[in-house]
C-alpha cells in the first residue's frame, strides 16, 4: 500500500503563498530524523529536504497563491494546494495522511491526523519540504523588499512586520483578505 503524507506551511503569515507537499517515502530507504519541521533546526531541515527528494518514491511541492487565498479563503486555498500536491505525485498513492483535521477532495482515501507531522514519517517529510520551500520564498521576497524583515519573521504578523506595513505600505504579495493587511487597505483605499 502506497501512503502519501501531506502537510502545509504558511497558513498564518500575512504574505505569500501557502505551500504544501505530498511525499511517499521508500520503506527500503528510511530517512533518519524525520519529524515535524517546526521541531528541527533550519540546518537539519535543509539536510533532510535534500535526502527526502533523493530517496522518496515520489514527492511533489505545490502551492496556492496569495491571490487564491484572498479569493477562496485560507482553508479552501490550503485544500486546493494539498490537492495539487497529491495529484502532482508521479505515483498515485492508495491513501493520503493529512496533517490537520480536514482532508482535501482528491478522489483517493484520505485520513486527517491532528499533529500528524510528529506522528507519521510521511507527513513529517511533507512538512519539511513545505516549510523549506516556503522559507526560501520568503528569503527571496526579503531580498526584493529588505525593509520588511521577511526573512526573519517569515511574514507572520509580528510587531516588526506590522510596523513595516505601516511605514512602507503593503506589497503586491500581501494577502489583502487578512485583518491587518485589509485594515491597511481600507485605511489607504488601496
N, C-alpha and C. Protein backbone atom coordinates (compact mmCIF):
# COMPACT_ATOMS: atom_id res chain seq x y z
N UNK A 1 0.85 -1.19 0.00
CA UNK A 1 0.00 0.00 0.00
C UNK A 1 0.89 1.24 0.00
N UNK A 2 0.66 2.13 -0.93
CA UNK A 2 1.42 3.37 -1.03
C UNK A 2 0.70 4.49 -0.28
N UNK A 3 1.39 5.02 0.72
CA UNK A 3 0.81 6.06 1.57
C UNK A 3 1.55 7.37 1.34
N UNK A 4 0.80 8.41 1.05
CA UNK A 4 1.38 9.75 0.91
C UNK A 4 1.11 10.52 2.19
N UNK A 5 2.12 11.24 2.65
CA UNK A 5 1.94 12.20 3.73
C UNK A 5 1.80 13.58 3.13
N UNK A 6 0.93 14.39 3.70
CA UNK A 6 0.67 15.72 3.15
C UNK A 6 0.65 16.75 4.28
N UNK A 7 1.32 17.87 4.07
CA UNK A 7 1.33 18.94 5.05
C UNK A 7 1.48 20.28 4.35
N UNK A 8 1.31 21.35 5.11
CA UNK A 8 1.39 22.71 4.57
C UNK A 8 2.31 23.56 5.41
N UNK A 9 2.70 24.69 4.84
CA UNK A 9 3.42 25.73 5.56
C UNK A 9 2.91 27.07 5.08
N UNK A 10 2.67 27.96 6.02
CA UNK A 10 2.32 29.33 5.63
C UNK A 10 0.85 29.69 5.69
N UNK A 11 0.08 29.08 6.58
CA UNK A 11 -1.32 29.48 6.70
C UNK A 11 -1.48 30.80 7.43
N UNK A 12 -0.66 31.04 8.44
CA UNK A 12 -0.83 32.21 9.29
C UNK A 12 -0.19 33.51 8.84
N UNK A 13 0.85 33.47 8.02
CA UNK A 13 1.50 34.72 7.61
C UNK A 13 0.59 35.65 6.80
N UNK A 14 1.02 36.90 6.73
CA UNK A 14 0.25 37.93 6.02
C UNK A 14 0.64 38.06 4.56
N UNK A 15 1.62 37.28 4.12
CA UNK A 15 2.18 37.50 2.79
C UNK A 15 2.55 36.17 2.14
N UNK A 16 2.45 36.12 0.82
CA UNK A 16 2.92 34.97 0.05
C UNK A 16 1.93 33.83 -0.06
N UNK A 17 2.40 32.78 -0.69
CA UNK A 17 1.60 31.59 -0.94
C UNK A 17 1.51 30.70 0.29
N UNK A 18 0.52 29.82 0.30
CA UNK A 18 0.53 28.69 1.23
C UNK A 18 1.14 27.55 0.42
N UNK A 19 2.14 26.89 0.99
CA UNK A 19 2.89 25.85 0.30
C UNK A 19 2.55 24.50 0.91
N UNK A 20 2.30 23.51 0.06
CA UNK A 20 2.02 22.16 0.53
C UNK A 20 2.98 21.19 -0.13
N UNK A 21 3.09 20.03 0.48
CA UNK A 21 3.89 18.96 -0.11
C UNK A 21 3.22 17.64 0.16
N UNK A 22 3.42 16.70 -0.75
CA UNK A 22 2.98 15.32 -0.60
C UNK A 22 4.21 14.45 -0.81
N UNK A 23 4.38 13.45 0.04
CA UNK A 23 5.56 12.59 -0.02
C UNK A 23 5.16 11.13 0.18
N UNK A 24 5.67 10.26 -0.69
CA UNK A 24 5.58 8.82 -0.49
C UNK A 24 7.00 8.35 -0.21
N UNK A 25 7.26 7.97 1.03
CA UNK A 25 8.60 7.52 1.39
C UNK A 25 8.86 6.11 0.88
N UNK A 26 10.13 5.80 0.69
CA UNK A 26 10.54 4.47 0.27
C UNK A 26 10.89 3.67 1.53
N UNK A 27 10.10 2.62 1.84
CA UNK A 27 10.38 1.86 3.06
C UNK A 27 11.75 1.17 3.03
N UNK A 28 12.31 0.98 1.85
CA UNK A 28 13.62 0.34 1.74
C UNK A 28 14.77 1.34 1.88
N UNK A 29 14.45 2.62 1.93
CA UNK A 29 15.47 3.65 2.14
C UNK A 29 14.99 4.63 3.22
N UNK A 30 14.96 4.18 4.48
CA UNK A 30 14.48 5.06 5.55
C UNK A 30 15.37 6.29 5.71
N UNK A 31 14.77 7.37 6.14
CA UNK A 31 15.49 8.63 6.36
C UNK A 31 15.42 8.93 7.86
N UNK A 32 16.58 8.96 8.49
CA UNK A 32 16.64 9.21 9.93
C UNK A 32 16.38 10.68 10.23
N UNK A 33 15.66 10.93 11.32
CA UNK A 33 15.47 12.30 11.80
C UNK A 33 14.23 13.00 11.32
N UNK A 34 13.35 12.32 10.59
CA UNK A 34 12.13 12.97 10.13
C UNK A 34 11.25 13.31 11.33
N UNK A 35 10.67 14.51 11.28
CA UNK A 35 9.83 14.98 12.37
C UNK A 35 9.07 16.20 11.87
N UNK A 36 8.23 16.72 12.73
CA UNK A 36 7.57 17.99 12.47
C UNK A 36 8.65 19.02 12.17
N UNK A 37 8.54 19.70 11.04
CA UNK A 37 9.58 20.64 10.61
C UNK A 37 9.84 21.74 11.64
N UNK A 38 8.81 22.10 12.40
CA UNK A 38 8.97 23.16 13.39
C UNK A 38 9.86 22.73 14.56
N UNK A 39 10.06 21.43 14.71
CA UNK A 39 10.89 20.91 15.80
C UNK A 39 12.35 20.70 15.38
N UNK A 40 12.66 21.05 14.14
CA UNK A 40 14.01 20.85 13.60
C UNK A 40 14.68 22.19 13.35
N UNK A 41 15.99 22.21 13.44
CA UNK A 41 16.73 23.43 13.12
C UNK A 41 16.67 23.67 11.61
N UNK A 42 16.94 24.89 11.21
CA UNK A 42 16.94 25.22 9.79
C UNK A 42 17.98 24.36 9.05
N UNK A 43 19.14 24.19 9.65
CA UNK A 43 20.20 23.40 9.03
C UNK A 43 19.76 21.95 8.83
N UNK A 44 19.09 21.37 9.84
CA UNK A 44 18.62 19.98 9.76
C UNK A 44 17.52 19.85 8.71
N UNK A 45 16.62 20.85 8.65
CA UNK A 45 15.56 20.82 7.63
C UNK A 45 16.16 20.83 6.23
N UNK A 46 17.16 21.67 6.01
CA UNK A 46 17.79 21.75 4.69
C UNK A 46 18.44 20.41 4.31
N UNK A 47 19.10 19.78 5.27
CA UNK A 47 19.73 18.49 5.03
C UNK A 47 18.68 17.43 4.69
N UNK A 48 17.61 17.39 5.47
CA UNK A 48 16.55 16.41 5.24
C UNK A 48 15.79 16.69 3.93
N UNK A 49 15.65 17.95 3.58
CA UNK A 49 14.99 18.34 2.33
C UNK A 49 15.65 17.62 1.15
N UNK A 50 16.97 17.68 1.10
CA UNK A 50 17.71 17.03 0.00
C UNK A 50 17.57 15.52 0.07
N UNK A 51 17.62 14.95 1.26
CA UNK A 51 17.50 13.49 1.40
C UNK A 51 16.12 13.00 0.99
N UNK A 52 15.09 13.74 1.37
CA UNK A 52 13.72 13.35 1.00
C UNK A 52 13.58 13.36 -0.52
N UNK A 53 14.06 14.42 -1.15
CA UNK A 53 13.94 14.50 -2.60
C UNK A 53 14.74 13.39 -3.29
N UNK A 54 15.83 13.00 -2.69
CA UNK A 54 16.68 11.97 -3.29
C UNK A 54 16.13 10.56 -3.07
N UNK A 55 15.57 10.28 -1.89
CA UNK A 55 15.24 8.91 -1.53
C UNK A 55 13.75 8.55 -1.55
N UNK A 56 12.87 9.51 -1.55
CA UNK A 56 11.43 9.21 -1.55
C UNK A 56 11.04 8.54 -2.87
N UNK A 57 10.02 7.71 -2.81
CA UNK A 57 9.49 7.11 -4.04
C UNK A 57 8.88 8.19 -4.93
N UNK A 58 8.23 9.15 -4.29
CA UNK A 58 7.62 10.26 -5.03
C UNK A 58 7.41 11.43 -4.08
N UNK A 59 7.51 12.63 -4.62
CA UNK A 59 7.23 13.84 -3.84
C UNK A 59 6.77 14.93 -4.80
N UNK A 60 5.97 15.84 -4.27
CA UNK A 60 5.50 16.97 -5.06
C UNK A 60 5.28 18.15 -4.11
N UNK A 61 5.74 19.31 -4.52
CA UNK A 61 5.51 20.55 -3.78
C UNK A 61 4.56 21.40 -4.62
N UNK A 62 3.51 21.90 -3.99
CA UNK A 62 2.52 22.72 -4.69
C UNK A 62 2.17 23.92 -3.81
N UNK A 63 1.41 24.82 -4.36
CA UNK A 63 1.02 25.99 -3.57
C UNK A 63 -0.28 26.57 -4.08
N UNK A 64 -0.84 27.43 -3.25
CA UNK A 64 -1.94 28.30 -3.66
C UNK A 64 -1.43 29.72 -3.42
N UNK A 65 -1.60 30.57 -4.40
CA UNK A 65 -1.04 31.92 -4.36
C UNK A 65 -1.78 32.81 -3.38
N UNK A 66 -1.17 33.96 -3.10
CA UNK A 66 -1.85 34.93 -2.24
C UNK A 66 -3.16 35.40 -2.87
N UNK A 67 -3.22 35.45 -4.20
CA UNK A 67 -4.48 35.82 -4.86
C UNK A 67 -5.55 34.76 -4.61
N UNK A 68 -5.16 33.48 -4.69
CA UNK A 68 -6.13 32.41 -4.43
C UNK A 68 -6.57 32.39 -2.97
N UNK A 69 -5.65 32.71 -2.07
CA UNK A 69 -6.02 32.80 -0.65
C UNK A 69 -7.06 33.90 -0.47
N UNK A 70 -6.84 35.05 -1.10
CA UNK A 70 -7.81 36.15 -0.99
C UNK A 70 -9.13 35.80 -1.67
N UNK A 71 -9.08 35.05 -2.74
CA UNK A 71 -10.30 34.70 -3.48
C UNK A 71 -11.13 33.65 -2.74
N UNK A 72 -10.48 32.61 -2.22
CA UNK A 72 -11.22 31.46 -1.66
C UNK A 72 -11.27 31.43 -0.14
N UNK A 73 -10.32 31.95 0.55
CA UNK A 73 -10.02 31.93 1.99
C UNK A 73 -8.90 30.93 2.22
N UNK A 74 -8.24 31.04 3.35
CA UNK A 74 -7.02 30.26 3.58
C UNK A 74 -7.32 28.76 3.67
N UNK A 75 -8.43 28.37 4.27
CA UNK A 75 -8.73 26.94 4.36
C UNK A 75 -8.92 26.34 2.98
N UNK A 76 -9.75 26.96 2.15
CA UNK A 76 -10.01 26.43 0.81
C UNK A 76 -8.75 26.47 -0.06
N UNK A 77 -7.96 27.52 0.09
CA UNK A 77 -6.71 27.61 -0.67
C UNK A 77 -5.73 26.50 -0.24
N UNK A 78 -5.69 26.21 1.05
CA UNK A 78 -4.83 25.13 1.55
C UNK A 78 -5.29 23.80 0.99
N UNK A 79 -6.59 23.55 0.99
CA UNK A 79 -7.12 22.29 0.44
C UNK A 79 -6.79 22.19 -1.05
N UNK A 80 -6.89 23.30 -1.77
CA UNK A 80 -6.55 23.32 -3.20
C UNK A 80 -5.08 22.98 -3.40
N UNK A 81 -4.21 23.59 -2.60
CA UNK A 81 -2.77 23.32 -2.72
C UNK A 81 -2.46 21.86 -2.37
N UNK A 82 -3.12 21.32 -1.36
CA UNK A 82 -2.91 19.91 -1.00
C UNK A 82 -3.36 18.99 -2.13
N UNK A 83 -4.50 19.30 -2.71
CA UNK A 83 -4.99 18.51 -3.85
C UNK A 83 -3.97 18.55 -5.00
N UNK A 84 -3.42 19.72 -5.27
CA UNK A 84 -2.41 19.86 -6.32
C UNK A 84 -1.17 19.01 -6.00
N UNK A 85 -0.75 19.01 -4.73
CA UNK A 85 0.43 18.23 -4.35
C UNK A 85 0.19 16.74 -4.53
N UNK A 86 -0.96 16.26 -4.09
CA UNK A 86 -1.29 14.84 -4.22
C UNK A 86 -1.38 14.45 -5.69
N UNK A 87 -2.09 15.26 -6.46
CA UNK A 87 -2.26 14.96 -7.88
C UNK A 87 -0.95 15.10 -8.67
N UNK A 88 0.00 15.85 -8.12
CA UNK A 88 1.28 16.04 -8.80
C UNK A 88 2.28 14.93 -8.56
N UNK A 89 1.96 13.99 -7.67
CA UNK A 89 2.86 12.87 -7.43
C UNK A 89 2.97 12.02 -8.69
N UNK A 90 4.16 11.53 -8.99
CA UNK A 90 4.33 10.71 -10.19
C UNK A 90 3.79 9.29 -9.98
N UNK A 91 3.50 8.94 -8.73
CA UNK A 91 2.88 7.65 -8.38
C UNK A 91 1.59 7.99 -7.64
N UNK A 92 0.50 7.35 -8.00
CA UNK A 92 -0.76 7.60 -7.30
C UNK A 92 -0.80 6.77 -6.02
N UNK A 93 -0.92 7.44 -4.87
CA UNK A 93 -0.98 6.69 -3.61
C UNK A 93 -2.34 6.02 -3.42
N UNK A 94 -2.37 4.99 -2.60
CA UNK A 94 -3.65 4.36 -2.28
C UNK A 94 -4.38 5.15 -1.20
N UNK A 95 -3.63 5.85 -0.38
CA UNK A 95 -4.24 6.69 0.65
C UNK A 95 -3.33 7.87 0.95
N UNK A 96 -3.91 8.92 1.50
CA UNK A 96 -3.14 10.10 1.90
C UNK A 96 -3.43 10.40 3.36
N UNK A 97 -2.36 10.64 4.11
CA UNK A 97 -2.46 11.06 5.50
C UNK A 97 -2.21 12.56 5.54
N UNK A 98 -3.17 13.30 6.05
CA UNK A 98 -3.13 14.76 6.01
C UNK A 98 -2.89 15.29 7.42
N UNK A 99 -1.91 16.18 7.57
CA UNK A 99 -1.72 16.82 8.87
C UNK A 99 -2.85 17.82 9.08
N UNK A 100 -3.59 17.66 10.17
CA UNK A 100 -4.67 18.59 10.47
C UNK A 100 -5.97 17.85 10.72
N UNK A 101 -7.07 18.58 10.59
CA UNK A 101 -8.38 18.00 10.89
C UNK A 101 -9.31 17.93 9.68
N UNK A 102 -8.80 18.21 8.50
CA UNK A 102 -9.62 18.15 7.27
C UNK A 102 -8.82 17.55 6.13
N UNK A 103 -9.54 16.94 5.22
CA UNK A 103 -8.91 16.35 4.04
C UNK A 103 -9.40 17.06 2.78
N UNK A 104 -8.50 17.24 1.81
CA UNK A 104 -8.93 17.78 0.53
C UNK A 104 -9.70 16.72 -0.25
N UNK A 105 -10.52 17.16 -1.17
CA UNK A 105 -11.26 16.24 -2.04
C UNK A 105 -10.33 15.82 -3.17
N UNK A 106 -9.82 14.58 -3.09
CA UNK A 106 -8.83 14.14 -4.07
C UNK A 106 -9.25 12.93 -4.88
N UNK A 107 -10.31 12.27 -4.47
CA UNK A 107 -10.70 11.06 -5.17
C UNK A 107 -9.98 9.82 -4.67
N UNK A 108 -9.07 9.98 -3.69
CA UNK A 108 -8.44 8.82 -3.07
C UNK A 108 -8.77 8.84 -1.58
N UNK A 109 -8.54 7.74 -0.93
CA UNK A 109 -8.77 7.63 0.50
C UNK A 109 -7.87 8.61 1.24
N UNK A 110 -8.44 9.37 2.18
CA UNK A 110 -7.67 10.33 2.98
C UNK A 110 -8.04 10.19 4.45
N UNK A 111 -7.05 10.46 5.29
CA UNK A 111 -7.31 10.48 6.73
C UNK A 111 -6.57 11.68 7.32
N UNK A 112 -7.31 12.50 8.05
CA UNK A 112 -6.72 13.66 8.72
C UNK A 112 -6.19 13.22 10.09
N UNK A 113 -5.00 13.71 10.44
CA UNK A 113 -4.38 13.39 11.72
C UNK A 113 -3.87 14.69 12.33
N UNK A 114 -4.50 15.11 13.43
CA UNK A 114 -4.04 16.32 14.12
C UNK A 114 -2.67 16.02 14.72
N UNK A 115 -1.71 16.88 14.44
CA UNK A 115 -0.34 16.66 14.91
C UNK A 115 0.37 15.54 14.17
N UNK A 116 -0.13 15.22 12.99
CA UNK A 116 0.40 14.10 12.21
C UNK A 116 1.84 14.27 11.78
N UNK A 117 2.31 15.53 11.69
CA UNK A 117 3.69 15.74 11.25
C UNK A 117 4.70 15.22 12.27
N UNK A 118 4.28 15.04 13.52
CA UNK A 118 5.16 14.46 14.54
C UNK A 118 4.89 12.96 14.74
N UNK A 119 3.81 12.46 14.14
CA UNK A 119 3.40 11.07 14.36
C UNK A 119 3.68 10.16 13.18
N UNK A 120 3.60 10.68 11.99
CA UNK A 120 3.75 9.89 10.76
C UNK A 120 4.93 10.41 9.96
N UNK A 121 5.88 9.54 9.65
CA UNK A 121 7.08 9.99 8.93
C UNK A 121 6.77 10.59 7.56
N UNK A 122 5.79 10.05 6.85
CA UNK A 122 5.43 10.61 5.54
C UNK A 122 4.96 12.06 5.68
N UNK A 123 4.18 12.32 6.73
CA UNK A 123 3.70 13.70 6.95
C UNK A 123 4.86 14.57 7.40
N UNK A 124 5.72 14.05 8.27
CA UNK A 124 6.89 14.81 8.70
C UNK A 124 7.75 15.20 7.51
N UNK A 125 7.94 14.27 6.58
CA UNK A 125 8.72 14.56 5.37
C UNK A 125 8.04 15.66 4.56
N UNK A 126 6.72 15.58 4.42
CA UNK A 126 5.98 16.61 3.68
C UNK A 126 6.10 17.97 4.37
N UNK A 127 6.06 17.97 5.69
CA UNK A 127 6.17 19.25 6.41
C UNK A 127 7.53 19.90 6.17
N UNK A 128 8.57 19.09 6.07
CA UNK A 128 9.91 19.61 5.81
C UNK A 128 9.99 20.21 4.40
N UNK A 129 9.48 19.49 3.40
CA UNK A 129 9.51 20.03 2.03
C UNK A 129 8.72 21.34 1.94
N UNK A 130 7.55 21.38 2.58
CA UNK A 130 6.71 22.58 2.52
C UNK A 130 7.38 23.75 3.24
N UNK A 131 7.90 23.51 4.43
CA UNK A 131 8.49 24.62 5.21
C UNK A 131 9.76 25.16 4.56
N UNK A 132 10.63 24.29 4.10
CA UNK A 132 11.86 24.76 3.47
C UNK A 132 11.53 25.57 2.21
N UNK A 133 10.59 25.09 1.43
CA UNK A 133 10.19 25.81 0.21
C UNK A 133 9.61 27.17 0.55
N UNK A 134 8.72 27.22 1.51
CA UNK A 134 8.10 28.49 1.92
C UNK A 134 9.16 29.44 2.48
N UNK A 135 10.06 28.94 3.32
CA UNK A 135 11.12 29.79 3.87
C UNK A 135 12.00 30.36 2.76
N UNK A 136 12.29 29.55 1.77
CA UNK A 136 13.10 30.04 0.64
C UNK A 136 12.35 31.14 -0.12
N UNK A 137 11.05 30.99 -0.27
CA UNK A 137 10.26 32.02 -0.94
C UNK A 137 10.33 33.34 -0.17
N UNK A 138 10.25 33.26 1.17
CA UNK A 138 10.31 34.46 1.98
C UNK A 138 11.71 35.09 1.96
N UNK A 139 12.73 34.26 1.87
CA UNK A 139 14.09 34.81 1.75
C UNK A 139 14.24 35.58 0.43
N UNK A 140 13.63 35.06 -0.62
CA UNK A 140 13.67 35.76 -1.91
C UNK A 140 12.90 37.07 -1.82
N UNK A 141 11.72 37.06 -1.20
CA UNK A 141 10.96 38.30 -1.01
C UNK A 141 11.77 39.30 -0.17
N UNK A 142 12.50 38.78 0.83
CA UNK A 142 13.32 39.63 1.68
C UNK A 142 14.41 40.32 0.87
N UNK A 143 14.97 39.62 -0.11
CA UNK A 143 15.98 40.24 -0.97
C UNK A 143 15.36 41.37 -1.81
N UNK A 144 14.10 41.18 -2.22
CA UNK A 144 13.42 42.21 -3.01
C UNK A 144 12.98 43.39 -2.15
N UNK A 145 12.55 43.09 -0.93
CA UNK A 145 11.98 44.11 -0.03
C UNK A 145 12.65 44.02 1.35
N UNK A 146 13.92 44.37 1.45
CA UNK A 146 14.65 44.18 2.71
C UNK A 146 14.08 44.97 3.89
N UNK A 147 13.39 46.05 3.61
CA UNK A 147 12.88 46.90 4.69
C UNK A 147 11.74 46.23 5.49
N UNK A 148 11.22 45.09 5.02
CA UNK A 148 10.12 44.41 5.72
C UNK A 148 10.60 43.33 6.69
N UNK A 149 11.84 42.90 6.60
CA UNK A 149 12.36 41.88 7.52
C UNK A 149 11.74 40.51 7.34
N UNK A 150 11.32 40.19 6.13
CA UNK A 150 10.57 38.95 5.89
C UNK A 150 11.37 37.68 6.17
N UNK A 151 12.68 37.70 5.95
CA UNK A 151 13.48 36.50 6.22
C UNK A 151 13.50 36.18 7.70
N UNK A 152 13.35 37.19 8.53
CA UNK A 152 13.39 36.98 9.97
C UNK A 152 12.05 36.49 10.52
N UNK A 153 10.96 37.20 10.20
CA UNK A 153 9.66 36.83 10.78
C UNK A 153 8.79 35.97 9.87
N UNK A 154 9.28 35.68 8.67
CA UNK A 154 8.62 34.79 7.71
C UNK A 154 7.20 35.23 7.33
N UNK A 155 6.92 36.52 7.50
CA UNK A 155 5.63 37.05 7.08
C UNK A 155 4.54 36.99 8.12
N UNK A 156 4.86 36.48 9.31
CA UNK A 156 3.85 36.43 10.38
C UNK A 156 3.56 37.85 10.87
N UNK A 157 2.40 38.05 11.49
CA UNK A 157 2.01 39.40 11.92
C UNK A 157 2.73 39.83 13.21
N UNK A 158 4.03 39.89 13.14
CA UNK A 158 4.83 40.35 14.27
C UNK A 158 4.76 41.87 14.35
N UNK A 159 5.21 42.40 15.48
CA UNK A 159 5.25 43.85 15.64
C UNK A 159 6.10 44.48 14.53
N UNK A 160 7.26 43.87 14.25
CA UNK A 160 8.15 44.41 13.21
C UNK A 160 7.48 44.42 11.83
N UNK A 161 6.75 43.35 11.52
CA UNK A 161 6.09 43.28 10.21
C UNK A 161 4.98 44.33 10.13
N UNK A 162 4.19 44.44 11.17
CA UNK A 162 3.09 45.41 11.16
C UNK A 162 3.63 46.84 11.09
N UNK A 163 4.74 47.11 11.77
CA UNK A 163 5.36 48.43 11.69
C UNK A 163 5.88 48.71 10.27
N UNK A 164 6.43 47.68 9.62
CA UNK A 164 6.93 47.85 8.25
C UNK A 164 5.78 48.14 7.29
N UNK A 165 4.66 47.47 7.49
CA UNK A 165 3.48 47.74 6.65
C UNK A 165 3.01 49.18 6.86
N UNK A 166 2.95 49.61 8.12
CA UNK A 166 2.51 50.97 8.41
C UNK A 166 3.46 52.01 7.79
N UNK A 167 4.74 51.72 7.82
CA UNK A 167 5.74 52.66 7.32
C UNK A 167 5.88 52.64 5.80
N UNK A 168 5.89 51.44 5.21
CA UNK A 168 6.19 51.30 3.78
C UNK A 168 5.00 50.92 2.91
N UNK A 169 3.87 50.56 3.53
CA UNK A 169 2.70 50.15 2.76
C UNK A 169 2.70 48.65 2.49
N UNK A 170 1.66 48.21 1.84
CA UNK A 170 1.54 46.78 1.54
C UNK A 170 2.23 46.48 0.22
N UNK A 171 2.67 45.23 0.11
CA UNK A 171 3.35 44.75 -1.09
C UNK A 171 2.35 44.01 -1.98
N UNK A 172 2.67 43.83 -3.25
CA UNK A 172 1.78 43.06 -4.12
C UNK A 172 1.50 41.65 -3.59
N UNK A 173 2.46 41.08 -2.86
CA UNK A 173 2.33 39.70 -2.37
C UNK A 173 1.56 39.59 -1.05
N UNK A 174 1.19 40.72 -0.43
CA UNK A 174 0.43 40.64 0.81
C UNK A 174 -0.98 40.10 0.56
N UNK A 175 -1.48 39.38 1.55
CA UNK A 175 -2.82 38.80 1.49
C UNK A 175 -3.82 39.86 1.95
N UNK A 176 -4.54 40.41 1.01
CA UNK A 176 -5.41 41.54 1.30
C UNK A 176 -6.65 41.17 2.12
N UNK A 177 -6.98 39.90 2.21
CA UNK A 177 -8.14 39.47 2.99
C UNK A 177 -7.80 39.27 4.47
N UNK A 178 -6.53 39.34 4.83
CA UNK A 178 -6.10 39.16 6.22
C UNK A 178 -6.26 40.46 6.99
N UNK A 179 -6.78 40.38 8.18
CA UNK A 179 -7.12 41.53 9.01
C UNK A 179 -6.17 42.71 8.97
N UNK A 180 -4.91 42.56 9.40
CA UNK A 180 -4.02 43.72 9.43
C UNK A 180 -3.76 44.32 8.05
N UNK A 181 -3.71 43.49 7.03
CA UNK A 181 -3.49 44.00 5.66
C UNK A 181 -4.77 44.65 5.16
N UNK A 182 -5.90 43.99 5.39
CA UNK A 182 -7.19 44.51 4.96
C UNK A 182 -7.46 45.88 5.61
N UNK A 183 -7.14 45.96 6.89
CA UNK A 183 -7.31 47.21 7.62
C UNK A 183 -6.50 48.32 6.98
N UNK A 184 -5.26 48.00 6.59
CA UNK A 184 -4.41 49.00 5.96
C UNK A 184 -4.97 49.37 4.58
N UNK A 185 -5.45 48.37 3.83
CA UNK A 185 -6.04 48.65 2.51
C UNK A 185 -7.22 49.61 2.62
N UNK A 186 -8.08 49.35 3.63
CA UNK A 186 -9.26 50.21 3.81
C UNK A 186 -8.86 51.60 4.24
N UNK A 187 -7.83 51.69 5.10
CA UNK A 187 -7.40 52.99 5.60
C UNK A 187 -6.76 53.84 4.51
N UNK A 188 -6.14 53.19 3.54
CA UNK A 188 -5.46 53.93 2.46
C UNK A 188 -6.17 53.83 1.12
N UNK A 189 -7.32 53.16 1.10
CA UNK A 189 -8.12 52.97 -0.12
C UNK A 189 -7.32 52.35 -1.24
N UNK A 190 -6.49 51.33 -0.90
CA UNK A 190 -5.69 50.62 -1.90
C UNK A 190 -6.55 49.58 -2.57
